[in-house]
PDB file of N, CA and C in Angstrom:
ATOM      1  N   MET A   1      98.778 126.609  79.522  1.00  0.00           N
ATOM      2  CA  MET A   1      97.505 125.977  79.207  1.00  0.00           C
ATOM      3  C   MET A   1      97.734 124.491  78.919  1.00  0.00           C
ATOM      4  N   PRO A   2      96.979 123.606  79.548  1.00  0.00           N
ATOM      5  CA  PRO A   2      97.125 122.173  79.292  1.00  0.00           C
ATOM      6  C   PRO A   2      96.794 121.834  77.841  1.00  0.00           C
ATOM      7  N   MET A   3      97.483 120.848  77.332  1.00  0.00           N
ATOM      8  CA  MET A   3      97.266 120.420  75.953  1.00  0.00           C
ATOM      9  C   MET A   3      96.417 119.154  75.926  1.00  0.00           C
ATOM     10  N   LEU A   4      95.534 119.085  74.951  1.00  0.00           N
ATOM     11  CA  LEU A   4      94.769 117.867  74.726  1.00  0.00           C
ATOM     12  C   LEU A   4      95.609 116.934  73.867  1.00  0.00           C
ATOM     13  N   ALA A   5      95.491 115.649  74.109  1.00  0.00           N
ATOM     14  CA  ALA A   5      96.223 114.669  73.313  1.00  0.00           C
ATOM     15  C   ALA A   5      95.755 114.734  71.867  1.00  0.00           C
ATOM     16  N   ALA A   6      96.694 114.663  70.951  1.00  0.00           N
ATOM     17  CA  ALA A   6      96.395 114.691  69.512  1.00  0.00           C
ATOM     18  C   ALA A   6      96.159 113.256  69.048  1.00  0.00           C
ATOM     19  N   THR A   7      94.986 112.755  69.325  1.00  0.00           N
ATOM     20  CA  THR A   7      94.661 111.370  69.002  1.00  0.00           C
ATOM     21  C   THR A   7      94.254 111.237  67.536  1.00  0.00           C
ATOM     22  N   PRO A   8      94.454 110.046  66.970  1.00  0.00           N
ATOM     23  CA  PRO A   8      94.075 109.826  65.568  1.00  0.00           C
ATOM     24  C   PRO A   8      92.579 109.610  65.429  1.00  0.00           C
ATOM     25  N   LYS A   9      92.155 109.403  64.213  1.00  0.00           N
ATOM     26  CA  LYS A   9      90.763 109.063  63.956  1.00  0.00           C
ATOM     27  C   LYS A   9      90.455 107.721  64.633  1.00  0.00           C
ATOM     28  N   PRO A  10      89.324 107.629  65.356  1.00  0.00           N
ATOM     29  CA  PRO A  10      88.960 106.372  66.010  1.00  0.00           C
ATOM     30  C   PRO A  10      88.743 105.251  64.986  1.00  0.00           C
ATOM     31  N   PRO A  11      88.829 104.020  65.455  1.00  0.00           N
ATOM     32  CA  PRO A  11      88.879 103.601  66.851  1.00  0.00           C
ATOM     33  C   PRO A  11      90.315 103.557  67.395  1.00  0.00           C
ATOM     34  N   TYR A  12      90.414 103.764  68.692  1.00  0.00           N
ATOM     35  CA  TYR A  12      91.633 103.573  69.475  1.00  0.00           C
ATOM     36  C   TYR A  12      91.168 103.320  70.903  1.00  0.00           C
ATOM     37  N   TYR A  13      92.088 103.167  71.824  1.00  0.00           N
ATOM     38  CA  TYR A  13      91.725 102.788  73.192  1.00  0.00           C
ATOM     39  C   TYR A  13      92.174 103.824  74.209  1.00  0.00           C
ATOM     40  N   ALA A  14      91.428 103.900  75.296  1.00  0.00           N
ATOM     41  CA  ALA A  14      91.750 104.791  76.407  1.00  0.00           C
ATOM     42  C   ALA A  14      91.875 103.963  77.681  1.00  0.00           C
ATOM     43  N   VAL A  15      92.956 104.209  78.412  1.00  0.00           N
ATOM     44  CA  VAL A  15      93.127 103.637  79.740  1.00  0.00           C
ATOM     45  C   VAL A  15      92.885 104.771  80.726  1.00  0.00           C
ATOM     46  N   ILE A  16      91.855 104.642  81.524  1.00  0.00           N
ATOM     47  CA  ILE A  16      91.451 105.690  82.467  1.00  0.00           C
ATOM     48  C   ILE A  16      91.880 105.249  83.863  1.00  0.00           C
ATOM     49  N   PHE A  17      92.818 105.986  84.432  1.00  0.00           N
ATOM     50  CA  PHE A  17      93.340 105.675  85.761  1.00  0.00           C
ATOM     51  C   PHE A  17      92.858 106.758  86.706  1.00  0.00           C
ATOM     52  N   THR A  18      91.983 106.381  87.634  1.00  0.00           N
ATOM     53  CA  THR A  18      91.419 107.306  88.605  1.00  0.00           C
ATOM     54  C   THR A  18      91.968 106.935  89.973  1.00  0.00           C
ATOM     55  N   SER A  19      92.423 107.935  90.737  1.00  0.00           N
ATOM     56  CA  SER A  19      93.076 107.607  92.004  1.00  0.00           C
ATOM     57  C   SER A  19      92.837 108.652  93.085  1.00  0.00           C
ATOM     58  N   VAL A  20      92.981 108.181  94.305  1.00  0.00           N
ATOM     59  CA  VAL A  20      93.019 109.028  95.488  1.00  0.00           C
ATOM     60  C   VAL A  20      94.370 108.761  96.129  1.00  0.00           C
ATOM     61  N   ARG A  21      95.160 109.811  96.296  1.00  0.00           N
ATOM     62  CA  ARG A  21      96.533 109.696  96.788  1.00  0.00           C
ATOM     63  C   ARG A  21      96.598 109.677  98.313  1.00  0.00           C
ATOM     64  N   THR A  22      97.688 109.125  98.809  1.00  0.00           N
ATOM     65  CA  THR A  22      98.041 109.262 100.215  1.00  0.00           C
ATOM     66  C   THR A  22      98.670 110.641 100.402  1.00  0.00           C
ATOM     67  N   ASP A  23      98.887 111.052 101.627  1.00  0.00           N
ATOM     68  CA  ASP A  23      99.503 112.346 101.904  1.00  0.00           C
ATOM     69  C   ASP A  23     100.995 112.311 101.606  1.00  0.00           C
ATOM     70  N   GLY A  24     101.527 113.438 101.154  1.00  0.00           N
ATOM     71  CA  GLY A  24     102.957 113.563 100.894  1.00  0.00           C
ATOM     72  C   GLY A  24     103.342 113.018  99.538  1.00  0.00           C
ATOM     73  N   ASP A  25     104.480 113.459  99.047  1.00  0.00           N
ATOM     74  CA  ASP A  25     104.936 113.066  97.713  1.00  0.00           C
ATOM     75  C   ASP A  25     105.576 111.681  97.707  1.00  0.00           C
ATOM     76  N   LYS A  26     106.506 111.427  98.607  1.00  0.00           N
ATOM     77  CA  LYS A  26     107.167 110.126  98.762  1.00  0.00           C
ATOM     78  C   LYS A  26     107.750 109.598  97.453  1.00  0.00           C
ATOM     79  N   GLY A  27     108.265 110.506  96.618  1.00  0.00           N
ATOM     80  CA  GLY A  27     108.861 110.106  95.349  1.00  0.00           C
ATOM     81  C   GLY A  27     107.891 109.979  94.195  1.00  0.00           C
ATOM     82  N   TYR A  28     106.619 110.285  94.443  1.00  0.00           N
ATOM     83  CA  TYR A  28     105.588 110.122  93.410  1.00  0.00           C
ATOM     84  C   TYR A  28     105.847 110.999  92.185  1.00  0.00           C
ATOM     85  N   SER A  29     106.165 112.259  92.376  1.00  0.00           N
ATOM     86  CA  SER A  29     106.339 113.186  91.247  1.00  0.00           C
ATOM     87  C   SER A  29     107.435 112.722  90.297  1.00  0.00           C
ATOM     88  N   ASP A  30     108.556 112.290  90.863  1.00  0.00           N
ATOM     89  CA  ASP A  30     109.647 111.798  90.023  1.00  0.00           C
ATOM     90  C   ASP A  30     109.232 110.553  89.249  1.00  0.00           C
ATOM     91  N   MET A  31     108.529 109.648  89.916  1.00  0.00           N
ATOM     92  CA  MET A  31     108.098 108.424  89.240  1.00  0.00           C
ATOM     93  C   MET A  31     107.048 108.725  88.177  1.00  0.00           C
ATOM     94  N   ALA A  32     106.143 109.653  88.448  1.00  0.00           N
ATOM     95  CA  ALA A  32     105.132 110.012  87.448  1.00  0.00           C
ATOM     96  C   ALA A  32     105.795 110.574  86.194  1.00  0.00           C
ATOM     97  N   LYS A  33     106.800 111.401  86.384  1.00  0.00           N
ATOM     98  CA  LYS A  33     107.545 111.959  85.246  1.00  0.00           C
ATOM     99  C   LYS A  33     108.229 110.841  84.462  1.00  0.00           C
ATOM    100  N   ARG A  34     108.851 109.906  85.164  1.00  0.00           N
ATOM    101  CA  ARG A  34     109.526 108.784  84.501  1.00  0.00           C
ATOM    102  C   ARG A  34     108.539 107.901  83.753  1.00  0.00           C
ATOM    103  N   MET A  35     107.371 107.655  84.337  1.00  0.00           N
ATOM    104  CA  MET A  35     106.376 106.813  83.673  1.00  0.00           C
ATOM    105  C   MET A  35     105.875 107.466  82.390  1.00  0.00           C
ATOM    106  N   LEU A  36     105.722 108.780  82.399  1.00  0.00           N
ATOM    107  CA  LEU A  36     105.308 109.481  81.183  1.00  0.00           C
ATOM    108  C   LEU A  36     106.389 109.356  80.108  1.00  0.00           C
ATOM    109  N   GLU A  37     107.643 109.572  80.493  1.00  0.00           N
ATOM    110  CA  GLU A  37     108.754 109.420  79.538  1.00  0.00           C
ATOM    111  C   GLU A  37     108.782 108.012  78.957  1.00  0.00           C
ATOM    112  N   LEU A  38     108.596 107.017  79.804  1.00  0.00           N
ATOM    113  CA  LEU A  38     108.634 105.632  79.376  1.00  0.00           C
ATOM    114  C   LEU A  38     107.432 105.284  78.494  1.00  0.00           C
ATOM    115  N   ALA A  39     106.251 105.732  78.880  1.00  0.00           N
ATOM    116  CA  ALA A  39     105.043 105.463  78.086  1.00  0.00           C
ATOM    117  C   ALA A  39     105.184 106.033  76.680  1.00  0.00           C
ATOM    118  N   GLU A  40     105.758 107.231  76.585  1.00  0.00           N
ATOM    119  CA  GLU A  40     105.937 107.873  75.276  1.00  0.00           C
ATOM    120  C   GLU A  40     106.816 107.048  74.338  1.00  0.00           C
ATOM    121  N   GLN A  41     107.636 106.173  74.886  1.00  0.00           N
ATOM    122  CA  GLN A  41     108.536 105.331  74.085  1.00  0.00           C
ATOM    123  C   GLN A  41     107.894 104.009  73.666  1.00  0.00           C
ATOM    124  N   GLN A  42     106.718 103.710  74.209  1.00  0.00           N
ATOM    125  CA  GLN A  42     106.083 102.417  73.963  1.00  0.00           C
ATOM    126  C   GLN A  42     105.370 102.399  72.613  1.00  0.00           C
ATOM    127  N   PRO A  43     105.525 101.291  71.862  1.00  0.00           N
ATOM    128  CA  PRO A  43     104.762 101.152  70.617  1.00  0.00           C
ATOM    129  C   PRO A  43     103.266 101.233  70.907  1.00  0.00           C
ATOM    130  N   GLY A  44     102.552 101.978  70.092  1.00  0.00           N
ATOM    131  CA  GLY A  44     101.107 102.100  70.241  1.00  0.00           C
ATOM    132  C   GLY A  44     100.647 103.227  71.133  1.00  0.00           C
ATOM    133  N   TYR A  45     101.580 103.916  71.809  1.00  0.00           N
ATOM    134  CA  TYR A  45     101.201 105.054  72.668  1.00  0.00           C
ATOM    135  C   TYR A  45     100.760 106.223  71.787  1.00  0.00           C
ATOM    136  N   LEU A  46      99.641 106.843  72.143  1.00  0.00           N
ATOM    137  CA  LEU A  46      99.094 107.952  71.349  1.00  0.00           C
ATOM    138  C   LEU A  46      99.084 109.287  72.080  1.00  0.00           C
ATOM    139  N   GLY A  47      99.075 109.273  73.412  1.00  0.00           N
ATOM    140  CA  GLY A  47      99.039 110.530  74.154  1.00  0.00           C
ATOM    141  C   GLY A  47      98.445 110.334  75.535  1.00  0.00           C
ATOM    142  N   VAL A  48      98.410 111.441  76.295  1.00  0.00           N
ATOM    143  CA  VAL A  48      97.901 111.387  77.662  1.00  0.00           C
ATOM    144  C   VAL A  48      97.273 112.724  78.029  1.00  0.00           C
ATOM    145  N   GLU A  49      96.292 112.665  78.902  1.00  0.00           N
ATOM    146  CA  GLU A  49      95.684 113.855  79.509  1.00  0.00           C
ATOM    147  C   GLU A  49      95.523 113.559  80.989  1.00  0.00           C
ATOM    148  N   SER A  50      95.771 114.557  81.830  1.00  0.00           N
ATOM    149  CA  SER A  50      95.743 114.299  83.265  1.00  0.00           C
ATOM    150  C   SER A  50      95.247 115.520  84.024  1.00  0.00           C
ATOM    151  N   ALA A  51      94.502 115.257  85.090  1.00  0.00           N
ATOM    152  CA  ALA A  51      94.038 116.310  85.996  1.00  0.00           C
ATOM    153  C   ALA A  51      94.157 115.758  87.407  1.00  0.00           C
ATOM    154  N   LYS A  52      94.731 116.562  88.286  1.00  0.00           N
ATOM    155  CA  LYS A  52      94.936 116.085  89.656  1.00  0.00           C
ATOM    156  C   LYS A  52      94.545 117.163  90.648  1.00  0.00           C
ATOM    157  N   GLU A  53      93.573 116.856  91.439  1.00  0.00           N
ATOM    158  CA  GLU A  53      93.168 117.686  92.569  1.00  0.00           C
ATOM    159  C   GLU A  53      92.949 116.724  93.723  1.00  0.00           C
ATOM    160  N   GLN A  54      91.753 116.675  94.263  1.00  0.00           N
ATOM    161  CA  GLN A  54      91.454 115.680  95.301  1.00  0.00           C
ATOM    162  C   GLN A  54      91.375 114.282  94.691  1.00  0.00           C
ATOM    163  N   LEU A  55      90.910 114.231  93.469  1.00  0.00           N
ATOM    164  CA  LEU A  55      90.807 112.988  92.712  1.00  0.00           C
ATOM    165  C   LEU A  55      91.707 113.127  91.490  1.00  0.00           C
ATOM    166  N   GLY A  56      92.602 112.173  91.294  1.00  0.00           N
ATOM    167  CA  GLY A  56      93.470 112.205  90.127  1.00  0.00           C
ATOM    168  C   GLY A  56      92.857 111.405  88.999  1.00  0.00           C
ATOM    169  N   ILE A  57      92.860 111.968  87.804  1.00  0.00           N
ATOM    170  CA  ILE A  57      92.373 111.252  86.628  1.00  0.00           C
ATOM    171  C   ILE A  57      93.415 111.406  85.532  1.00  0.00           C
ATOM    172  N   THR A  58      93.937 110.279  85.078  1.00  0.00           N
ATOM    173  CA  THR A  58      94.887 110.266  83.968  1.00  0.00           C
ATOM    174  C   THR A  58      94.321 109.338  82.911  1.00  0.00           C
ATOM    175  N   VAL A  59      94.215 109.853  81.694  1.00  0.00           N
ATOM    176  CA  VAL A  59      93.723 109.060  80.578  1.00  0.00           C
ATOM    177  C   VAL A  59      94.859 108.949  79.569  1.00  0.00           C
ATOM    178  N   SER A  60      95.305 107.722  79.329  1.00  0.00           N
ATOM    179  CA  SER A  60      96.307 107.501  78.291  1.00  0.00           C
ATOM    180  C   SER A  60      95.616 106.836  77.113  1.00  0.00           C
ATOM    181  N   TYR A  61      96.113 107.149  75.923  1.00  0.00           N
ATOM    182  CA  TYR A  61      95.496 106.673  74.691  1.00  0.00           C
ATOM    183  C   TYR A  61      96.461 105.740  73.974  1.00  0.00           C
ATOM    184  N   TRP A  62      95.900 104.651  73.435  1.00  0.00           N
ATOM    185  CA  TRP A  62      96.696 103.590  72.839  1.00  0.00           C
ATOM    186  C   TRP A  62      96.057 103.108  71.546  1.00  0.00           C
ATOM    187  N   SER A  63      96.890 102.631  70.642  1.00  0.00           N
ATOM    188  CA  SER A  63      96.400 102.194  69.333  1.00  0.00           C
ATOM    189  C   SER A  63      95.573 100.917  69.409  1.00  0.00           C
ATOM    190  N   ASP A  64      95.933 100.008  70.336  1.00  0.00           N
ATOM    191  CA  ASP A  64      95.246  98.718  70.401  1.00  0.00           C
ATOM    192  C   ASP A  64      95.441  98.076  71.773  1.00  0.00           C
ATOM    193  N   LEU A  65      94.738  96.992  71.985  1.00  0.00           N
ATOM    194  CA  LEU A  65      94.792  96.307  73.281  1.00  0.00           C
ATOM    195  C   LEU A  65      96.158  95.670  73.547  1.00  0.00           C
ATOM    196  N   ASP A  66      96.842  95.213  72.489  1.00  0.00           N
ATOM    197  CA  ASP A  66      98.179  94.645  72.684  1.00  0.00           C
ATOM    198  C   ASP A  66      99.150  95.693  73.210  1.00  0.00           C
ATOM    199  N   ALA A  67      99.059  96.918  72.733  1.00  0.00           N
ATOM    200  CA  ALA A  67      99.925  97.993  73.219  1.00  0.00           C
ATOM    201  C   ALA A  67      99.685  98.238  74.711  1.00  0.00           C
ATOM    202  N   ILE A  68      98.427  98.208  75.123  1.00  0.00           N
ATOM    203  CA  ILE A  68      98.084  98.382  76.541  1.00  0.00           C
ATOM    204  C   ILE A  68      98.649  97.220  77.361  1.00  0.00           C
ATOM    205  N   LYS A  69      98.504  96.022  76.862  1.00  0.00           N
ATOM    206  CA  LYS A  69      99.011  94.834  77.549  1.00  0.00           C
ATOM    207  C   LYS A  69     100.524  94.925  77.743  1.00  0.00           C
ATOM    208  N   HIS A  70     101.242  95.332  76.710  1.00  0.00           N
ATOM    209  CA  HIS A  70     102.696  95.457  76.816  1.00  0.00           C
ATOM    210  C   HIS A  70     103.096  96.573  77.785  1.00  0.00           C
ATOM    211  N   TRP A  71     102.367  97.667  77.790  1.00  0.00           N
ATOM    212  CA  TRP A  71     102.661  98.750  78.737  1.00  0.00           C
ATOM    213  C   TRP A  71     102.446  98.270  80.173  1.00  0.00           C
ATOM    214  N   LYS A  72     101.354  97.583  80.424  1.00  0.00           N
ATOM    215  CA  LYS A  72     101.079  97.084  81.772  1.00  0.00           C
ATOM    216  C   LYS A  72     102.184  96.140  82.250  1.00  0.00           C
ATOM    217  N   ALA A  73     102.788  95.382  81.327  1.00  0.00           N
ATOM    218  CA  ALA A  73     103.808  94.391  81.674  1.00  0.00           C
ATOM    219  C   ALA A  73     105.239  94.945  81.665  1.00  0.00           C
ATOM    220  N   ASN A  74     105.425  96.207  81.307  1.00  0.00           N
ATOM    221  CA  ASN A  74     106.760  96.799  81.303  1.00  0.00           C
ATOM    222  C   ASN A  74     107.362  96.721  82.703  1.00  0.00           C
ATOM    223  N   SER A  75     108.618  96.292  82.808  1.00  0.00           N
ATOM    224  CA  SER A  75     109.223  96.034  84.124  1.00  0.00           C
ATOM    225  C   SER A  75     109.272  97.280  85.013  1.00  0.00           C
ATOM    226  N   GLU A  76     109.627  98.434  84.460  1.00  0.00           N
ATOM    227  CA  GLU A  76     109.633  99.661  85.283  1.00  0.00           C
ATOM    228  C   GLU A  76     108.222 100.044  85.696  1.00  0.00           C
ATOM    229  N   HIS A  77     107.281  99.860  84.800  1.00  0.00           N
ATOM    230  CA  HIS A  77     105.886 100.162  85.106  1.00  0.00           C
ATOM    231  C   HIS A  77     105.365  99.218  86.187  1.00  0.00           C
ATOM    232  N   LEU A  78     105.756  97.947  86.120  1.00  0.00           N
ATOM    233  CA  LEU A  78     105.358  96.994  87.163  1.00  0.00           C
ATOM    234  C   LEU A  78     105.868  97.430  88.531  1.00  0.00           C
ATOM    235  N   GLU A  79     107.100  97.917  88.577  1.00  0.00           N
ATOM    236  CA  GLU A  79     107.670  98.394  89.846  1.00  0.00           C
ATOM    237  C   GLU A  79     106.902  99.616  90.360  1.00  0.00           C
ATOM    238  N   ALA A  80     106.548 100.530  89.456  1.00  0.00           N
ATOM    239  CA  ALA A  80     105.761 101.710  89.850  1.00  0.00           C
ATOM    240  C   ALA A  80     104.379 101.293  90.355  1.00  0.00           C
ATOM    241  N   GLN A  81     103.763 100.304  89.712  1.00  0.00           N
ATOM    242  CA  GLN A  81     102.460  99.811  90.161  1.00  0.00           C
ATOM    243  C   GLN A  81     102.552  99.255  91.582  1.00  0.00           C
ATOM    244  N   LYS A  82     103.597  98.475  91.836  1.00  0.00           N
ATOM    245  CA  LYS A  82     103.801  97.889  93.162  1.00  0.00           C
ATOM    246  C   LYS A  82     103.969  98.981  94.220  1.00  0.00           C
ATOM    247  N   THR A  83     104.810  99.973  93.917  1.00  0.00           N
ATOM    248  CA  THR A  83     105.036 101.070  94.856  1.00  0.00           C
ATOM    249  C   THR A  83     103.754 101.868  95.064  1.00  0.00           C
ATOM    250  N   GLY A  84     103.008 102.061  94.006  1.00  0.00           N
ATOM    251  CA  GLY A  84     101.736 102.781  94.115  1.00  0.00           C
ATOM    252  C   GLY A  84     100.779 102.109  95.077  1.00  0.00           C
ATOM    253  N   ARG A  85     100.664 100.799  94.967  1.00  0.00           N
ATOM    254  CA  ARG A  85      99.772 100.050  95.873  1.00  0.00           C
ATOM    255  C   ARG A  85     100.238 100.165  97.325  1.00  0.00           C
ATOM    256  N   GLN A  86     101.558 100.152  97.528  1.00  0.00           N
ATOM    257  CA  GLN A  86     102.119 100.149  98.879  1.00  0.00           C
ATOM    258  C   GLN A  86     102.220 101.534  99.506  1.00  0.00           C
ATOM    259  N   LEU A  87     102.412 102.576  98.679  1.00  0.00           N
ATOM    260  CA  LEU A  87     102.833 103.862  99.224  1.00  0.00           C
ATOM    261  C   LEU A  87     102.013 105.072  98.775  1.00  0.00           C
ATOM    262  N   TRP A  88     101.617 105.132  97.510  1.00  0.00           N
ATOM    263  CA  TRP A  88     101.084 106.380  96.965  1.00  0.00           C
ATOM    264  C   TRP A  88      99.565 106.487  96.912  1.00  0.00           C
ATOM    265  N   TYR A  89      98.864 105.375  96.871  1.00  0.00           N
ATOM    266  CA  TYR A  89      97.418 105.436  96.640  1.00  0.00           C
ATOM    267  C   TYR A  89      96.604 104.899  97.810  1.00  0.00           C
ATOM    268  N   LYS A  90      95.587 105.678  98.200  1.00  0.00           N
ATOM    269  CA  LYS A  90      94.577 105.176  99.129  1.00  0.00           C
ATOM    270  C   LYS A  90      93.640 104.243  98.367  1.00  0.00           C
ATOM    271  N   SER A  91      93.317 104.629  97.139  1.00  0.00           N
ATOM    272  CA  SER A  91      92.479 103.803  96.269  1.00  0.00           C
ATOM    273  C   SER A  91      92.722 104.207  94.822  1.00  0.00           C
ATOM    274  N   PHE A  92      92.427 103.273  93.927  1.00  0.00           N
ATOM    275  CA  PHE A  92      92.518 103.580  92.496  1.00  0.00           C
ATOM    276  C   PHE A  92      91.640 102.618  91.716  1.00  0.00           C
ATOM    277  N   LYS A  93      91.364 102.996  90.495  1.00  0.00           N
ATOM    278  CA  LYS A  93      90.575 102.160  89.584  1.00  0.00           C
ATOM    279  C   LYS A  93      91.128 102.367  88.183  1.00  0.00           C
ATOM    280  N   VAL A  94      91.240 101.281  87.433  1.00  0.00           N
ATOM    281  CA  VAL A  94      91.665 101.338  86.038  1.00  0.00           C
ATOM    282  C   VAL A  94      90.505 100.869  85.172  1.00  0.00           C
ATOM    283  N   ARG A  95      90.229 101.650  84.145  1.00  0.00           N
ATOM    284  CA  ARG A  95      89.170 101.288  83.195  1.00  0.00           C
ATOM    285  C   ARG A  95      89.769 101.364  81.796  1.00  0.00           C
ATOM    286  N   ILE A  96      89.456 100.393  80.964  1.00  0.00           N
ATOM    287  CA  ILE A  96      89.940 100.383  79.584  1.00  0.00           C
ATOM    288  C   ILE A  96      88.729 100.441  78.670  1.00  0.00           C
ATOM    289  N   SER A  97      88.759 101.409  77.761  1.00  0.00           N
ATOM    290  CA  SER A  97      87.606 101.654  76.886  1.00  0.00           C
ATOM    291  C   SER A  97      88.058 101.787  75.444  1.00  0.00           C
ATOM    292  N   LYS A  98      87.211 101.353  74.551  1.00  0.00           N
ATOM    293  CA  LYS A  98      87.433 101.575  73.115  1.00  0.00           C
ATOM    294  C   LYS A  98      86.762 102.887  72.738  1.00  0.00           C
ATOM    295  N   VAL A  99      87.523 103.775  72.144  1.00  0.00           N
ATOM    296  CA  VAL A  99      86.974 105.054  71.685  1.00  0.00           C
ATOM    297  C   VAL A  99      86.425 104.835  70.277  1.00  0.00           C
ATOM    298  N   GLU A 100      85.136 104.993  70.146  1.00  0.00           N
ATOM    299  CA  GLU A 100      84.450 104.806  68.869  1.00  0.00           C
ATOM    300  C   GLU A 100      84.291 106.096  68.084  1.00  0.00           C
ATOM    301  N   ARG A 101      84.240 107.204  68.835  1.00  0.00           N
ATOM    302  CA  ARG A 101      84.001 108.493  68.190  1.00  0.00           C
ATOM    303  C   ARG A 101      84.618 109.574  69.065  1.00  0.00           C
ATOM    304  N   ASP A 102      85.192 110.585  68.441  1.00  0.00           N
ATOM    305  CA  ASP A 102      85.618 111.783  69.175  1.00  0.00           C
ATOM    306  C   ASP A 102      85.375 113.003  68.307  1.00  0.00           C
ATOM    307  N   TYR A 103      85.174 114.117  68.968  1.00  0.00           N
ATOM    308  CA  TYR A 103      84.974 115.387  68.271  1.00  0.00           C
ATOM    309  C   TYR A 103      85.273 116.501  69.236  1.00  0.00           C
ATOM    310  N   GLY A 104      85.486 117.679  68.763  1.00  0.00           N
ATOM    311  CA  GLY A 104      85.762 118.785  69.668  1.00  0.00           C
ATOM    312  C   GLY A 104      86.064 120.074  68.923  1.00  0.00           C
ATOM    313  N   LEU A 105      86.487 121.045  69.682  1.00  0.00           N
ATOM    314  CA  LEU A 105      86.786 122.376  69.167  1.00  0.00           C
ATOM    315  C   LEU A 105      88.282 122.541  69.095  1.00  0.00           C
TER     316      LEU A 105
END
């Protein structure tokens, strides 16, 4: 069963990465695993939730905008972004949102 991210009391931030993949793996799975390992080591990282079918949606949670900025600028992450544009994605969109309220079961 997939786990929901154990986020703190708001406010915090969500980076929503929505994508349509190209055909074939082409090293994507290994890089996705590495990016998750690396993100977990970043200051301000709070968790991640992901669903992938025809449309991939990954939401990562961060304590503040500076943490997101540093993650985007991480050298390994920059290399993965470059490869993604060239090889793995037909299209993608990144959205950054401030979470003001959350609730659930």
